[in-house]
Amino acid sequence: MKTVMIPCIVTALAILFAGGENLLWRTTDYYPSFLAGVRDVDNVTLLIPTAMKDICGNQRPVPELKKKRNGLYLRCGTPGIEGVWRIIVPDVRRTE
């Protein structure tokens, strides 16, 4: 009985995590940065679909670029597999 229950519990937890992450991505203006990798981009205006495909690879779903309260995020298909990236743009302001 235990040999059947453990995989079922692990699968149920994975489904709950994936559903919760998707709900968080779709409905809130915040995304936890610990769930995302970090990518540096020289210029945010260069994030055209071709550049997003370079970051994500050739994925079937179109990458989603969203501005959240705590940063700019690029979602490449399934989190944990293709990944979610937090886009970091260097500060170009200079003190003169």
PDB file of N, CA and C in Angstrom:
ATOM      1  N   MET A   1       0.816  -1.193   0.000  1.00  0.00           N
ATOM      2  CA  MET A   1       0.000   0.000   0.000  1.00  0.00           C
ATOM      3  C   MET A   1       0.864   1.262   0.000  1.00  0.00           C
ATOM      4  N   LYS A   2       1.955   1.248   0.815  1.00  0.00           N
ATOM      5  CA  LYS A   2       2.824   2.416   0.883  1.00  0.00           C
ATOM      6  C   LYS A   2       3.549   2.661  -0.433  1.00  0.00           C
ATOM      7  N   THR A   3       3.876   1.596  -1.152  1.00  0.00           N
ATOM      8  CA  THR A   3       4.590   1.769  -2.417  1.00  0.00           C
ATOM      9  C   THR A   3       3.726   2.456  -3.466  1.00  0.00           C
ATOM     10  N   VAL A   4       2.433   2.388  -3.331  1.00  0.00           N
ATOM     11  CA  VAL A   4       1.528   3.064  -4.260  1.00  0.00           C
ATOM     12  C   VAL A   4       1.252   4.493  -3.787  1.00  0.00           C
ATOM     13  N   MET A   5       1.127   4.681  -2.491  1.00  0.00           N
ATOM     14  CA  MET A   5       0.761   5.989  -1.947  1.00  0.00           C
ATOM     15  C   MET A   5       1.852   7.039  -2.123  1.00  0.00           C
ATOM     16  N   ILE A   6       3.106   6.656  -1.956  1.00  0.00           N
ATOM     17  CA  ILE A   6       4.191   7.637  -2.037  1.00  0.00           C
ATOM     18  C   ILE A   6       4.265   8.280  -3.423  1.00  0.00           C
ATOM     19  N   PRO A   7       4.281   7.521  -4.530  1.00  0.00           N
ATOM     20  CA  PRO A   7       4.282   8.178  -5.842  1.00  0.00           C
ATOM     21  C   PRO A   7       3.030   9.021  -6.090  1.00  0.00           C
ATOM     22  N   CYS A   8       1.895   8.574  -5.574  1.00  0.00           N
ATOM     23  CA  CYS A   8       0.654   9.348  -5.734  1.00  0.00           C
ATOM     24  C   CYS A   8       0.746  10.679  -5.004  1.00  0.00           C
ATOM     25  N   ILE A   9       1.284  10.665  -3.806  1.00  0.00           N
ATOM     26  CA  ILE A   9       1.430  11.899  -3.032  1.00  0.00           C
ATOM     27  C   ILE A   9       2.423  12.837  -3.705  1.00  0.00           C
ATOM     28  N   VAL A  10       3.540  12.298  -4.176  1.00  0.00           N
ATOM     29  CA  VAL A  10       4.540  13.124  -4.865  1.00  0.00           C
ATOM     30  C   VAL A  10       3.947  13.738  -6.130  1.00  0.00           C
ATOM     31  N   THR A  11       3.204  12.961  -6.890  1.00  0.00           N
ATOM     32  CA  THR A  11       2.561  13.463  -8.105  1.00  0.00           C
ATOM     33  C   THR A  11       1.530  14.534  -7.779  1.00  0.00           C
ATOM     34  N   ALA A  12       0.739  14.319  -6.753  1.00  0.00           N
ATOM     35  CA  ALA A  12      -0.265  15.314  -6.350  1.00  0.00           C
ATOM     36  C   ALA A  12       0.398  16.617  -5.922  1.00  0.00           C
ATOM     37  N   LEU A  13       1.501  16.535  -5.185  1.00  0.00           N
ATOM     38  CA  LEU A  13       2.222  17.742  -4.777  1.00  0.00           C
ATOM     39  C   LEU A  13       2.816  18.471  -5.978  1.00  0.00           C
ATOM     40  N   ALA A  14       3.345  17.727  -6.942  1.00  0.00           N
ATOM     41  CA  ALA A  14       3.894  18.352  -8.152  1.00  0.00           C
ATOM     42  C   ALA A  14       2.801  19.061  -8.945  1.00  0.00           C
ATOM     43  N   ILE A  15       1.643  18.446  -9.048  1.00  0.00           N
ATOM     44  CA  ILE A  15       0.520  19.062  -9.766  1.00  0.00           C
ATOM     45  C   ILE A  15       0.046  20.312  -9.032  1.00  0.00           C
ATOM     46  N   LEU A  16      -0.043  20.252  -7.709  1.00  0.00           N
ATOM     47  CA  LEU A  16      -0.435  21.427  -6.927  1.00  0.00           C
ATOM     48  C   LEU A  16       0.568  22.563  -7.082  1.00  0.00           C
ATOM     49  N   PHE A  17       1.866  22.240  -7.066  1.00  0.00           N
ATOM     50  CA  PHE A  17       2.891  23.261  -7.240  1.00  0.00           C
ATOM     51  C   PHE A  17       2.792  23.895  -8.624  1.00  0.00           C
ATOM     52  N   ALA A  18       2.665  23.068  -9.664  1.00  0.00           N
ATOM     53  CA  ALA A  18       2.577  23.588 -11.033  1.00  0.00           C
ATOM     54  C   ALA A  18       1.328  24.449 -11.215  1.00  0.00           C
ATOM     55  N   GLY A  19       0.216  24.002 -10.672  1.00  0.00           N
ATOM     56  CA  GLY A  19      -1.019  24.786 -10.768  1.00  0.00           C
ATOM     57  C   GLY A  19      -0.930  26.086  -9.994  1.00  0.00           C
ATOM     58  N   GLY A  20      -0.340  26.039  -8.813  1.00  0.00           N
ATOM     59  CA  GLY A  20      -0.170  27.250  -8.008  1.00  0.00           C
ATOM     60  C   GLY A  20       0.763  28.248  -8.665  1.00  0.00           C
ATOM     61  N   GLU A  21       1.851  27.749  -9.252  1.00  0.00           N
ATOM     62  CA  GLU A  21       2.795  28.632  -9.946  1.00  0.00           C
ATOM     63  C   GLU A  21       2.122  29.286 -11.141  1.00  0.00           C
ATOM     64  N   ASN A  22       1.357  28.518 -11.901  1.00  0.00           N
ATOM     65  CA  ASN A  22       0.656  29.054 -13.067  1.00  0.00           C
ATOM     66  C   ASN A  22      -0.376  30.098 -12.647  1.00  0.00           C
ATOM     67  N   LEU A  23      -1.097  29.826 -11.584  1.00  0.00           N
ATOM     68  CA  LEU A  23      -2.076  30.782 -11.062  1.00  0.00           C
ATOM     69  C   LEU A  23      -1.387  32.064 -10.603  1.00  0.00           C
ATOM     70  N   LEU A  24      -0.264  31.929  -9.939  1.00  0.00           N
ATOM     71  CA  LEU A  24       0.518  33.083  -9.497  1.00  0.00           C
ATOM     72  C   LEU A  24       0.985  33.910 -10.691  1.00  0.00           C
ATOM     73  N   TRP A  25       1.454  33.249 -11.742  1.00  0.00           N
ATOM     74  CA  TRP A  25       1.929  33.939 -12.947  1.00  0.00           C
ATOM     75  C   TRP A  25       0.795  34.687 -13.637  1.00  0.00           C
ATOM     76  N   ARG A  26      -0.345  34.065 -13.748  1.00  0.00           N
ATOM     77  CA  ARG A  26      -1.456  34.636 -14.522  1.00  0.00           C
ATOM     78  C   ARG A  26      -2.245  35.714 -13.782  1.00  0.00           C
ATOM     79  N   THR A  27      -2.360  35.618 -12.466  1.00  0.00           N
ATOM     80  CA  THR A  27      -3.318  36.480 -11.771  1.00  0.00           C
ATOM     81  C   THR A  27      -2.717  37.569 -10.894  1.00  0.00           C
ATOM     82  N   THR A  28      -1.443  37.506 -10.559  1.00  0.00           N
ATOM     83  CA  THR A  28      -0.888  38.513  -9.656  1.00  0.00           C
ATOM     84  C   THR A  28       0.119  39.397 -10.373  1.00  0.00           C
ATOM     85  N   ASP A  29       0.432  40.534  -9.760  1.00  0.00           N
ATOM     86  CA  ASP A  29       1.449  41.418 -10.330  1.00  0.00           C
ATOM     87  C   ASP A  29       2.796  41.220  -9.638  1.00  0.00           C
ATOM     88  N   TYR A  30       2.973  40.081  -8.989  1.00  0.00           N
ATOM     89  CA  TYR A  30       4.212  39.742  -8.291  1.00  0.00           C
ATOM     90  C   TYR A  30       4.610  38.321  -8.675  1.00  0.00           C
ATOM     91  N   TYR A  31       5.923  38.080  -8.805  1.00  0.00           N
ATOM     92  CA  TYR A  31       6.410  36.729  -9.054  1.00  0.00           C
ATOM     93  C   TYR A  31       7.620  36.500  -8.155  1.00  0.00           C
ATOM     94  N   PRO A  32       7.666  35.411  -7.419  1.00  0.00           N
ATOM     95  CA  PRO A  32       8.801  35.169  -6.519  1.00  0.00           C
ATOM     96  C   PRO A  32      10.101  34.998  -7.310  1.00  0.00           C
ATOM     97  N   SER A  33      11.082  35.801  -6.984  1.00  0.00           N
ATOM     98  CA  SER A  33      12.330  35.770  -7.749  1.00  0.00           C
ATOM     99  C   SER A  33      13.102  34.471  -7.550  1.00  0.00           C
ATOM    100  N   PHE A  34      12.862  33.747  -6.454  1.00  0.00           N
ATOM    101  CA  PHE A  34      13.581  32.482  -6.252  1.00  0.00           C
ATOM    102  C   PHE A  34      13.107  31.392  -7.219  1.00  0.00           C
ATOM    103  N   LEU A  35      11.970  31.594  -7.869  1.00  0.00           N
ATOM    104  CA  LEU A  35      11.487  30.625  -8.859  1.00  0.00           C
ATOM    105  C   LEU A  35      12.036  30.895 -10.257  1.00  0.00           C
ATOM    106  N   ALA A  36      12.772  31.994 -10.417  1.00  0.00           N
ATOM    107  CA  ALA A  36      13.243  32.387 -11.746  1.00  0.00           C
ATOM    108  C   ALA A  36      14.760  32.451 -11.795  1.00  0.00           C
ATOM    109  N   GLY A  37      15.304  32.092 -12.953  1.00  0.00           N
ATOM    110  CA  GLY A  37      16.717  32.298 -13.201  1.00  0.00           C
ATOM    111  C   GLY A  37      16.943  33.760 -13.564  1.00  0.00           C
ATOM    112  N   VAL A  38      18.192  34.176 -13.669  1.00  0.00           N
ATOM    113  CA  VAL A  38      18.503  35.573 -13.973  1.00  0.00           C
ATOM    114  C   VAL A  38      19.198  35.654 -15.319  1.00  0.00           C
ATOM    115  N   ARG A  39      18.749  36.591 -16.150  1.00  0.00           N
ATOM    116  CA  ARG A  39      19.385  36.870 -17.437  1.00  0.00           C
ATOM    117  C   ARG A  39      19.678  38.354 -17.524  1.00  0.00           C
ATOM    118  N   ASP A  40      20.891  38.709 -17.921  1.00  0.00           N
ATOM    119  CA  ASP A  40      21.250  40.109 -18.146  1.00  0.00           C
ATOM    120  C   ASP A  40      20.989  40.460 -19.600  1.00  0.00           C
ATOM    121  N   VAL A  41      20.374  41.614 -19.819  1.00  0.00           N
ATOM    122  CA  VAL A  41      20.087  42.100 -21.166  1.00  0.00           C
ATOM    123  C   VAL A  41      20.614  43.519 -21.256  1.00  0.00           C
ATOM    124  N   ASP A  42      21.346  43.826 -22.343  1.00  0.00           N
ATOM    125  CA  ASP A  42      21.915  45.164 -22.497  1.00  0.00           C
ATOM    126  C   ASP A  42      20.845  46.230 -22.670  1.00  0.00           C
ATOM    127  N   ASN A  43      19.834  45.927 -23.472  1.00  0.00           N
ATOM    128  CA  ASN A  43      18.806  46.913 -23.785  1.00  0.00           C
ATOM    129  C   ASN A  43      17.469  46.195 -23.857  1.00  0.00           C
ATOM    130  N   VAL A  44      16.526  46.639 -23.040  1.00  0.00           N
ATOM    131  CA  VAL A  44      15.235  45.950 -22.980  1.00  0.00           C
ATOM    132  C   VAL A  44      14.466  46.087 -24.291  1.00  0.00           C
ATOM    133  N   THR A  45      14.732  47.120 -25.071  1.00  0.00           N
ATOM    134  CA  THR A  45      14.024  47.279 -26.344  1.00  0.00           C
ATOM    135  C   THR A  45      14.481  46.252 -27.371  1.00  0.00           C
ATOM    136  N   LEU A  46      15.591  45.585 -27.103  1.00  0.00           N
ATOM    137  CA  LEU A  46      16.066  44.543 -28.019  1.00  0.00           C
ATOM    138  C   LEU A  46      15.414  43.190 -27.755  1.00  0.00           C
ATOM    139  N   LEU A  47      14.499  43.126 -26.794  1.00  0.00           N
ATOM    140  CA  LEU A  47      13.811  41.864 -26.492  1.00  0.00           C
ATOM    141  C   LEU A  47      12.671  41.636 -27.483  1.00  0.00           C
ATOM    142  N   ILE A  48      13.050  41.459 -28.719  1.00  0.00           N
ATOM    143  CA  ILE A  48      12.085  41.149 -29.772  1.00  0.00           C
ATOM    144  C   ILE A  48      11.866  39.641 -29.770  1.00  0.00           C
ATOM    145  N   PRO A  49      10.847  39.163 -30.470  1.00  0.00           N
ATOM    146  CA  PRO A  49      10.594  37.709 -30.453  1.00  0.00           C
ATOM    147  C   PRO A  49      11.813  36.850 -30.802  1.00  0.00           C
ATOM    148  N   THR A  50      12.663  37.326 -31.706  1.00  0.00           N
ATOM    149  CA  THR A  50      13.854  36.540 -32.060  1.00  0.00           C
ATOM    150  C   THR A  50      14.794  36.410 -30.866  1.00  0.00           C
ATOM    151  N   ALA A  51      15.004  37.500 -30.144  1.00  0.00           N
ATOM    152  CA  ALA A  51      15.879  37.461 -28.967  1.00  0.00           C
ATOM    153  C   ALA A  51      15.279  36.589 -27.871  1.00  0.00           C
ATOM    154  N   MET A  52      13.956  36.647 -27.721  1.00  0.00           N
ATOM    155  CA  MET A  52      13.309  35.800 -26.711  1.00  0.00           C
ATOM    156  C   MET A  52      13.462  34.328 -27.074  1.00  0.00           C
ATOM    157  N   LYS A  53      13.404  34.006 -28.362  1.00  0.00           N
ATOM    158  CA  LYS A  53      13.604  32.610 -28.780  1.00  0.00           C
ATOM    159  C   LYS A  53      15.046  32.174 -28.548  1.00  0.00           C
ATOM    160  N   ASP A  54      16.006  33.119 -28.653  1.00  0.00           N
ATOM    161  CA  ASP A  54      17.398  32.783 -28.347  1.00  0.00           C
ATOM    162  C   ASP A  54      17.560  32.428 -26.872  1.00  0.00           C
ATOM    163  N   ILE A  55      16.869  33.161 -26.006  1.00  0.00           N
ATOM    164  CA  ILE A  55      16.948  32.888 -24.572  1.00  0.00           C
ATOM    165  C   ILE A  55      16.235  31.579 -24.246  1.00  0.00           C
ATOM    166  N   CYS A  56      15.047  31.404 -24.814  1.00  0.00           N
ATOM    167  CA  CYS A  56      14.214  30.251 -24.471  1.00  0.00           C
ATOM    168  C   CYS A  56      14.547  29.003 -25.277  1.00  0.00           C
ATOM    169  N   GLY A  57      15.149  29.159 -26.430  1.00  0.00           N
ATOM    170  CA  GLY A  57      15.312  28.039 -27.343  1.00  0.00           C
ATOM    171  C   GLY A  57      14.073  27.937 -28.214  1.00  0.00           C
ATOM    172  N   ASN A  58      14.005  26.957 -29.057  1.00  0.00           N
ATOM    173  CA  ASN A  58      12.839  26.798 -29.930  1.00  0.00           C
ATOM    174  C   ASN A  58      11.741  26.063 -29.187  1.00  0.00           C
ATOM    175  N   GLN A  59      10.932  26.809 -28.492  1.00  0.00           N
ATOM    176  CA  GLN A  59       9.828  26.229 -27.731  1.00  0.00           C
ATOM    177  C   GLN A  59       8.536  26.378 -28.505  1.00  0.00           C
ATOM    178  N   ARG A  60       7.645  25.460 -28.324  1.00  0.00           N
ATOM    179  CA  ARG A  60       6.331  25.534 -28.970  1.00  0.00           C
ATOM    180  C   ARG A  60       5.516  26.714 -28.485  1.00  0.00           C
ATOM    181  N   PRO A  61       5.281  26.832 -27.176  1.00  0.00           N
ATOM    182  CA  PRO A  61       4.493  27.995 -26.759  1.00  0.00           C
ATOM    183  C   PRO A  61       5.311  29.268 -26.948  1.00  0.00           C
ATOM    184  N   VAL A  62       4.632  30.321 -27.312  1.00  0.00           N
ATOM    185  CA  VAL A  62       5.301  31.607 -27.496  1.00  0.00           C
ATOM    186  C   VAL A  62       5.758  32.108 -26.124  1.00  0.00           C
ATOM    187  N   PRO A  63       7.015  32.543 -26.010  1.00  0.00           N
ATOM    188  CA  PRO A  63       7.482  33.065 -24.721  1.00  0.00           C
ATOM    189  C   PRO A  63       6.658  34.277 -24.293  1.00  0.00           C
ATOM    190  N   GLU A  64       6.411  34.385 -22.998  1.00  0.00           N
ATOM    191  CA  GLU A  64       5.636  35.501 -22.454  1.00  0.00           C
ATOM    192  C   GLU A  64       6.563  36.440 -21.700  1.00  0.00           C
ATOM    193  N   LEU A  65       6.521  37.711 -22.046  1.00  0.00           N
ATOM    194  CA  LEU A  65       7.294  38.737 -21.360  1.00  0.00           C
ATOM    195  C   LEU A  65       6.311  39.584 -20.564  1.00  0.00           C
ATOM    196  N   LYS A  66       6.484  39.621 -19.239  1.00  0.00           N
ATOM    197  CA  LYS A  66       5.555  40.369 -18.387  1.00  0.00           C
ATOM    198  C   LYS A  66       6.310  41.239 -17.401  1.00  0.00           C
ATOM    199  N   LYS A  67       5.792  42.434 -17.216  1.00  0.00           N
ATOM    200  CA  LYS A  67       6.306  43.338 -16.195  1.00  0.00           C
ATOM    201  C   LYS A  67       5.521  43.082 -14.920  1.00  0.00           C
ATOM    202  N   LYS A  68       6.228  42.662 -13.908  1.00  0.00           N
ATOM    203  CA  LYS A  68       5.628  42.442 -12.594  1.00  0.00           C
ATOM    204  C   LYS A  68       6.115  43.548 -11.658  1.00  0.00           C
ATOM    205  N   ARG A  69       5.509  43.636 -10.505  1.00  0.00           N
ATOM    206  CA  ARG A  69       5.871  44.673  -9.538  1.00  0.00           C
ATOM    207  C   ARG A  69       7.339  44.574  -9.125  1.00  0.00           C
ATOM    208  N   ASN A  70       7.888  43.389  -9.080  1.00  0.00           N
ATOM    209  CA  ASN A  70       9.260  43.206  -8.622  1.00  0.00           C
ATOM    210  C   ASN A  70      10.243  42.904  -9.749  1.00  0.00           C
ATOM    211  N   GLY A  71       9.883  43.179 -10.992  1.00  0.00           N
ATOM    212  CA  GLY A  71      10.829  43.000 -12.085  1.00  0.00           C
ATOM    213  C   GLY A  71      10.167  42.629 -13.395  1.00  0.00           C
ATOM    214  N   LEU A  72      11.005  42.406 -14.383  1.00  0.00           N
ATOM    215  CA  LEU A  72      10.569  42.002 -15.719  1.00  0.00           C
ATOM    216  C   LEU A  72      10.891  40.521 -15.873  1.00  0.00           C
ATOM    217  N   TYR A  73       9.893  39.727 -16.271  1.00  0.00           N
ATOM    218  CA  TYR A  73      10.056  38.275 -16.329  1.00  0.00           C
ATOM    219  C   TYR A  73       9.720  37.737 -17.710  1.00  0.00           C
ATOM    220  N   LEU A  74      10.487  36.738 -18.121  1.00  0.00           N
ATOM    221  CA  LEU A  74      10.264  36.047 -19.389  1.00  0.00           C
ATOM    222  C   LEU A  74       9.968  34.589 -19.061  1.00  0.00           C
ATOM    223  N   ARG A  75       8.801  34.130 -19.466  1.00  0.00           N
ATOM    224  CA  ARG A  75       8.384  32.744 -19.203  1.00  0.00           C
ATOM    225  C   ARG A  75       8.525  31.948 -20.493  1.00  0.00           C
ATOM    226  N   CYS A  76       9.313  30.899 -20.426  1.00  0.00           N
ATOM    227  CA  CYS A  76       9.583  30.048 -21.587  1.00  0.00           C
ATOM    228  C   CYS A  76       8.898  28.700 -21.387  1.00  0.00           C
ATOM    229  N   GLY A  77       7.632  28.615 -21.668  1.00  0.00           N
ATOM    230  CA  GLY A  77       6.950  27.331 -21.552  1.00  0.00           C
ATOM    231  C   GLY A  77       6.767  26.891 -20.116  1.00  0.00           C
ATOM    232  N   THR A  78       7.194  25.692 -19.800  1.00  0.00           N
ATOM    233  CA  THR A  78       6.973  25.091 -18.492  1.00  0.00           C
ATOM    234  C   THR A  78       8.067  25.495 -17.510  1.00  0.00           C
ATOM    235  N   PRO A  79       7.711  26.131 -16.383  1.00  0.00           N
ATOM    236  CA  PRO A  79       8.728  26.460 -15.384  1.00  0.00           C
ATOM    237  C   PRO A  79       9.378  25.187 -14.845  1.00  0.00           C
ATOM    238  N   GLY A  80      10.662  25.264 -14.584  1.00  0.00           N
ATOM    239  CA  GLY A  80      11.376  24.094 -14.096  1.00  0.00           C
ATOM    240  C   GLY A  80      11.940  23.251 -15.224  1.00  0.00           C
ATOM    241  N   ILE A  81      11.352  23.344 -16.405  1.00  0.00           N
ATOM    242  CA  ILE A  81      11.876  22.626 -17.566  1.00  0.00           C
ATOM    243  C   ILE A  81      12.506  23.647 -18.513  1.00  0.00           C
ATOM    244  N   GLU A  82      11.675  24.473 -19.146  1.00  0.00           N
ATOM    245  CA  GLU A  82      12.204  25.533 -20.000  1.00  0.00           C
ATOM    246  C   GLU A  82      12.603  26.744 -19.164  1.00  0.00           C
ATOM    247  N   GLY A  83      11.814  27.051 -18.155  1.00  0.00           N
ATOM    248  CA  GLY A  83      12.203  28.065 -17.192  1.00  0.00           C
ATOM    249  C   GLY A  83      11.495  29.399 -17.283  1.00  0.00           C
ATOM    250  N   VAL A  84      11.615  30.128 -16.193  1.00  0.00           N
ATOM    251  CA  VAL A  84      11.191  31.517 -16.100  1.00  0.00           C
ATOM    252  C   VAL A  84      12.454  32.307 -15.789  1.00  0.00           C
ATOM    253  N   TRP A  85      12.667  33.388 -16.508  1.00  0.00           N
ATOM    254  CA  TRP A  85      13.870  34.191 -16.358  1.00  0.00           C
ATOM    255  C   TRP A  85      13.517  35.586 -15.876  1.00  0.00           C
ATOM    256  N   ARG A  86      14.241  36.081 -14.900  1.00  0.00           N
ATOM    257  CA  ARG A  86      14.114  37.469 -14.475  1.00  0.00           C
ATOM    258  C   ARG A  86      15.113  38.261 -15.304  1.00  0.00           C
ATOM    259  N   ILE A  87      14.612  39.237 -16.049  1.00  0.00           N
ATOM    260  CA  ILE A  87      15.446  40.023 -16.948  1.00  0.00           C
ATOM    261  C   ILE A  87      16.025  41.195 -16.171  1.00  0.00           C
ATOM    262  N   ILE A  88      17.344  41.281 -16.160  1.00  0.00           N
ATOM    263  CA  ILE A  88      18.054  42.361 -15.484  1.00  0.00           C
ATOM    264  C   ILE A  88      18.641  43.273 -16.554  1.00  0.00           C
ATOM    265  N   VAL A  89      18.304  44.557 -16.467  1.00  0.00           N
ATOM    266  CA  VAL A  89      18.850  45.556 -17.386  1.00  0.00           C
ATOM    267  C   VAL A  89      19.827  46.401 -16.583  1.00  0.00           C
ATOM    268  N   PRO A  90      21.083  46.515 -17.051  1.00  0.00           N
ATOM    269  CA  PRO A  90      22.050  47.321 -16.299  1.00  0.00           C
ATOM    270  C   PRO A  90      21.590  48.773 -16.198  1.00  0.00           C
ATOM    271  N   ASP A  91      21.919  49.396 -15.090  1.00  0.00           N
ATOM    272  CA  ASP A  91      21.565  50.794 -14.882  1.00  0.00           C
ATOM    273  C   ASP A  91      22.437  51.661 -15.783  1.00  0.00           C
ATOM    274  N   VAL A  92      21.806  52.392 -16.687  1.00  0.00           N
ATOM    275  CA  VAL A  92      22.567  53.194 -17.648  1.00  0.00           C
ATOM    276  C   VAL A  92      22.690  54.649 -17.212  1.00  0.00           C
ATOM    277  N   ARG A  93      22.084  55.006 -16.102  1.00  0.00           N
ATOM    278  CA  ARG A  93      22.211  56.383 -15.616  1.00  0.00           C
ATOM    279  C   ARG A  93      23.636  56.615 -15.134  1.00  0.00           C
ATOM    280  N   ARG A  94      24.159  57.758 -15.487  1.00  0.00           N
ATOM    281  CA  ARG A  94      25.518  58.089 -15.060  1.00  0.00           C
ATOM    282  C   ARG A  94      25.475  59.330 -14.184  1.00  0.00           C
ATOM    283  N   THR A  95      26.316  59.348 -13.214  1.00  0.00           N
ATOM    284  CA  THR A  95      26.421  60.543 -12.378  1.00  0.00           C
ATOM    285  C   THR A  95      27.573  61.378 -12.909  1.00  0.00           C
ATOM    286  N   GLU A  96      27.247  62.556 -13.374  1.00  0.00           N
ATOM    287  CA  GLU A  96      28.287  63.428 -13.934  1.00  0.00           C
ATOM    288  C   GLU A  96      28.372  64.705 -13.155  1.00  0.00           C
TER     289      GLU A  96
END
